[in-house]
Each structure stands twice: as structure tokens, then as C-alpha cells.
Amino acid sequence: MRGAVLAGGASTRYGGRPKGLLPVGGRRIIDRVVEAITTALGAPPTLIANAAEAATWRSDLTIVADRRPGAGSLGGIYTALAGGMDPVLCVAWDMPFVTAELLAALVAGAPGYDAFLPESGGKLGVEPLCAVYGAGCRQPIERALARGDLRAIAFHDAVRIGTLSLDRVQAFGDPAELFFNVNHPADLERAEALWRRRG
């Protein structure tokens, strides 16, 4: 199992600022995500990023640019998979509250599926940017990209999907917090407030 931090977006909703570099609770979000993945897998992740300065964000990580620039998160997942035949634990770089324990549960539940995702209770029902993807997803993702469908779940009907039940997810925390992502300046304020409440 490999790990990948998805940081390839342009952060257009955050005015172009690299949102994963923003601090929450006095620590950059990217550092929190890298630590959670490293703890869950026992090895550091690859950083999927397109910015010219990405190598300065975490000099200890391997940096890989998107193979399909402009393809959003789905392109990032595809790039992570294209790096080898092993399954990949993919996590967006703007999730400050994701935990190593949750990620370890995803890794443990992934065998036997092409994609294994946590149920979220949100509008999609699952969280595709905190999930495990296997080699069986590569061609279905290629087909989705070819038809211009950039939704992170665009290929799900063509692969074997497994899910970590909402009950299991809730054992690690509130899904609304675990999968909270910082897209707008107001989100950063909410993340800081949430961090203070959590102590």
C-alpha cells in the first residue's frame, strides 16, 4: 500500500493560495495529513502537486506532477495510481482533522475491492478524497477523463466499491470534522474554532 497527498489543485476558491500550507492549531495542514498517512502506513506518502515551488513545501517527500493537468481531484487520483501497481491511500491536503486511526481502518478494509471509501453522511454518501484506490480503477478513470467527467466518483459504476460504514467512521470521530476541508477563508476560521473546542 502506497500513500498520496492530493495537492494538485489551483486553490481557486482560496484566491490561489496553497491552502494546505495554511496553519490550523499552529501547524500546517499538509504536515498533519502527511503525519496521519505516515503513521497509518509506516512510510511517507508521495505528494501530487503541480506548483513549481512544491518541492519546498516538504523536501522529504517525492513530488509528482499531475499526468492529466486540469483534471481536478480525479486527475490526482489517476496520477497516484499511475505511479505503480500497488493500491494507494489518497488524502486531500486540506483535511486538518483526518486521523491515522481512520486511515488505518481504510487500509485494513480495502483488500477485495477496487476502491474502498468511508461513508460520510454528506451529499455523496462517501468521501472520495480520503480513500483507497487499486489498479483496477486506472482504466475506468481514464475512460471518465476521456469523456470529460471529472467527478471524483465518475468511475464508481465500473469498479468494485467497498465502504467503511458510517458507524465505523463515527468510532473515529464526527464525519463532518474528520472530512472537513479548508476551501475558503471562512473555512480556516471554522477550523481554528473547531481546533480550540477540541482542546
Protein backbone atom coordinates (compact mmCIF):
# COMPACT_ATOMS: atom_id res chain seq x y z
CA MET A 1 0.00 0.00 0.00
CA ARG A 2 1.31 3.42 -1.01
CA GLY A 3 0.15 6.81 0.20
CA ALA A 4 -0.51 10.00 -1.74
CA VAL A 5 -1.35 13.53 -0.67
CA LEU A 6 -3.50 15.23 -3.31
CA ALA A 7 -2.32 18.83 -3.64
CA GLY A 8 -2.60 19.42 -7.36
CA GLY A 9 -5.46 21.92 -7.42
CA ALA A 10 -5.10 25.61 -8.16
CA SER A 11 -6.87 26.65 -4.90
CA THR A 12 -9.06 28.98 -6.94
CA ARG A 13 -11.60 29.20 -4.12
CA TYR A 14 -8.80 30.32 -1.81
CA GLY A 15 -7.54 33.03 -4.15
CA GLY A 16 -4.72 30.87 -5.50
CA ARG A 17 -3.03 30.50 -2.11
CA PRO A 18 -1.73 26.97 -1.37
CA LYS A 19 -4.37 26.07 1.18
CA GLY A 20 -2.55 23.02 2.54
CA LEU A 21 0.22 25.32 3.76
CA LEU A 22 -2.18 27.22 6.00
CA PRO A 23 -1.83 26.58 9.73
CA VAL A 24 -4.55 25.09 11.89
CA GLY A 25 -3.79 24.89 15.58
CA GLY A 26 -0.32 26.29 14.91
CA ARG A 27 0.64 23.57 12.41
CA ARG A 28 0.34 23.42 8.62
CA ILE A 29 -2.50 21.27 7.30
CA ILE A 30 -0.16 19.41 4.94
CA ASP A 31 2.04 18.38 7.87
CA ARG A 32 -0.97 16.99 9.74
CA VAL A 33 -2.08 14.99 6.69
CA VAL A 34 1.42 13.64 5.99
CA GLU A 35 1.80 12.55 9.61
CA ALA A 36 -1.56 10.75 9.59
CA ILE A 37 -0.72 8.85 6.39
CA THR A 38 2.81 8.03 7.52
CA THR A 39 1.54 6.69 10.84
CA ALA A 40 -1.14 4.59 9.13
CA LEU A 41 1.18 3.11 6.50
CA GLY A 42 4.57 3.16 8.20
CA ALA A 43 6.02 5.08 5.24
CA PRO A 44 5.73 8.65 3.95
CA PRO A 45 3.36 9.44 1.08
CA THR A 46 4.04 10.89 -2.34
CA LEU A 47 2.92 14.47 -2.85
CA ILE A 48 0.85 15.00 -6.01
CA ALA A 49 1.33 18.69 -6.78
CA ASN A 50 1.74 20.97 -9.79
CA ALA A 51 3.11 24.14 -8.23
CA ALA A 52 6.68 24.99 -9.22
CA GLU A 53 7.55 25.55 -5.56
CA ALA A 54 6.04 22.25 -4.34
CA ALA A 55 9.48 20.79 -3.60
CA THR A 56 9.93 23.45 -0.92
CA TRP A 57 6.72 22.50 0.87
CA ARG A 58 8.06 19.15 2.09
CA SER A 59 11.62 18.49 0.95
CA ASP A 60 11.44 14.99 2.44
CA LEU A 61 8.68 13.83 0.09
CA THR A 62 8.73 12.70 -3.53
CA ILE A 63 6.83 15.22 -5.65
CA VAL A 64 4.87 14.07 -8.70
CA ALA A 65 3.04 16.41 -11.09
CA ASP A 66 -0.41 15.55 -12.42
CA ARG A 67 -0.35 13.37 -15.52
CA ARG A 68 -3.63 14.97 -16.57
CA PRO A 69 -3.32 18.66 -15.59
CA GLY A 70 -6.62 20.44 -15.18
CA ALA A 71 -8.49 17.22 -14.37
CA GLY A 72 -9.13 18.14 -10.75
CA SER A 73 -9.14 15.62 -7.93
CA LEU A 74 -9.90 12.75 -10.30
CA GLY A 75 -6.71 13.56 -12.18
CA GLY A 76 -4.82 13.49 -8.89
CA ILE A 77 -6.19 10.06 -8.03
CA TYR A 78 -5.24 8.85 -11.51
CA THR A 79 -1.71 10.22 -11.12
CA ALA A 80 -1.31 8.48 -7.77
CA LEU A 81 -2.41 5.17 -9.30
CA ALA A 82 -0.14 5.58 -12.31
CA GLY A 83 2.92 5.51 -10.05
CA GLY A 84 2.73 1.73 -9.54
CA MET A 85 0.51 -1.32 -9.29
CA ASP A 86 0.00 -1.23 -5.51
CA PRO A 87 -3.18 0.24 -4.02
CA VAL A 88 -2.90 3.86 -2.98
CA LEU A 89 -4.32 5.60 0.08
CA CYS A 90 -5.24 9.06 -1.24
CA VAL A 91 -5.97 12.00 1.05
CA ALA A 92 -6.64 15.62 0.11
CA TRP A 93 -4.11 18.02 1.56
CA ASP A 94 -6.73 20.34 3.05
CA MET A 95 -8.22 17.98 5.66
CA PRO A 96 -6.73 19.05 9.00
CA PHE A 97 -8.69 16.62 11.16
CA VAL A 98 -8.25 13.29 9.38
CA THR A 99 -6.74 10.71 11.76
CA ALA A 100 -4.23 7.92 11.38
CA GLU A 101 -6.69 5.54 13.05
CA LEU A 102 -9.35 6.20 10.41
CA LEU A 103 -6.80 5.79 7.62
CA ALA A 104 -5.58 2.51 9.10
CA ALA A 105 -9.17 1.24 9.10
CA LEU A 106 -9.48 2.11 5.41
CA VAL A 107 -6.25 0.27 4.64
CA ALA A 108 -7.44 -2.78 6.58
CA GLY A 109 -10.78 -2.88 4.79
CA ALA A 110 -9.50 -2.34 1.26
CA PRO A 111 -8.49 -5.90 0.19
CA GLY A 112 -11.00 -7.40 -2.23
CA TYR A 113 -12.17 -4.07 -3.62
CA ASP A 114 -11.01 -1.77 -6.42
CA ALA A 115 -11.89 1.25 -4.29
CA PHE A 116 -12.62 1.47 -0.58
CA LEU A 117 -14.17 4.65 0.78
CA PRO A 118 -15.52 5.85 4.11
CA GLU A 119 -19.21 6.66 4.36
CA SER A 120 -19.53 10.33 5.18
CA GLY A 121 -23.16 11.20 5.78
CA GLY A 122 -22.70 14.01 3.22
CA LYS A 123 -24.40 14.54 -0.12
CA LEU A 124 -22.23 11.98 -1.93
CA GLY A 125 -22.63 9.44 0.83
CA VAL A 126 -18.90 8.70 0.75
CA GLU A 127 -15.69 10.72 0.94
CA PRO A 128 -13.68 10.09 -2.28
CA LEU A 129 -10.76 12.29 -1.24
CA CYS A 130 -9.92 10.11 1.75
CA ALA A 131 -9.97 6.61 0.29
CA VAL A 132 -8.01 3.65 -1.04
CA TYR A 133 -7.82 3.03 -4.79
CA GLY A 134 -6.43 -0.04 -6.54
CA ALA A 135 -5.05 -0.71 -10.00
CA GLY A 136 -8.49 -1.80 -11.22
CA CYS A 137 -9.55 1.85 -11.11
CA ARG A 138 -6.99 3.07 -13.65
CA GLN A 139 -8.80 2.24 -16.89
CA PRO A 140 -12.25 3.28 -15.63
CA ILE A 141 -10.75 6.62 -14.54
CA GLU A 142 -9.11 7.01 -17.96
CA ARG A 143 -12.49 6.49 -19.60
CA ALA A 144 -14.12 9.04 -17.30
CA LEU A 145 -11.41 11.58 -18.08
CA ALA A 146 -11.74 10.90 -21.81
CA ARG A 147 -15.45 11.74 -21.70
CA GLY A 148 -14.78 14.85 -19.64
CA ASP A 149 -16.45 13.62 -16.45
CA LEU A 150 -14.17 14.95 -13.72
CA ARG A 151 -16.28 13.97 -10.73
CA ALA A 152 -14.23 12.04 -8.18
CA ILE A 153 -16.91 9.33 -8.26
CA ALA A 154 -17.30 9.30 -12.06
CA PHE A 155 -15.92 5.77 -12.44
CA HIS A 156 -17.59 4.08 -9.48
CA ASP A 157 -20.15 2.19 -11.54
CA ALA A 158 -17.32 0.37 -13.35
CA VAL A 159 -15.37 -0.92 -10.32
CA ARG A 160 -15.89 -2.96 -7.16
CA ILE A 161 -16.67 -0.46 -4.41
CA GLY A 162 -16.37 -1.20 -0.71
CA THR A 163 -17.22 1.17 2.11
CA LEU A 164 -16.27 1.69 5.71
CA SER A 165 -19.69 2.00 7.32
CA LEU A 166 -20.80 5.27 8.86
CA ASP A 167 -20.95 3.56 12.24
CA ARG A 168 -17.31 2.54 11.89
CA VAL A 169 -16.31 6.02 10.76
CA GLN A 170 -18.10 7.56 13.73
CA ALA A 171 -15.96 5.44 16.04
CA PHE A 172 -13.07 7.70 14.99
CA GLY A 173 -14.94 10.98 15.30
CA ASP A 174 -17.65 13.11 13.75
CA PRO A 175 -17.51 12.63 9.94
CA ALA A 176 -18.25 16.34 9.48
CA GLU A 177 -15.00 17.05 11.32
CA LEU A 178 -12.89 14.16 10.04
CA PHE A 179 -13.56 15.14 6.42
CA PHE A 180 -13.70 18.90 6.97
CA ASN A 181 -11.72 20.61 4.24
CA VAL A 182 -10.46 24.16 4.01
CA ASN A 183 -11.64 25.68 0.72
CA HIS A 184 -12.45 29.25 1.72
CA PRO A 185 -11.02 31.72 4.25
CA ALA A 186 -14.16 31.23 6.35
CA ASP A 187 -13.37 27.51 6.49
CA LEU A 188 -9.99 28.30 8.03
CA GLU A 189 -11.70 30.34 10.72
CA ARG A 190 -14.10 27.47 11.40
CA ALA A 191 -11.20 25.01 11.51
CA GLU A 192 -9.39 27.14 14.09
CA ALA A 193 -12.54 27.42 16.20
CA LEU A 194 -13.06 23.68 15.96
CA TRP A 195 -9.45 23.02 16.93
CA ARG A 196 -9.83 25.19 20.04
CA ARG A 197 -13.06 23.42 21.03
CA ARG A 198 -11.35 20.06 20.67
CA GLY A 199 -8.65 21.24 23.06
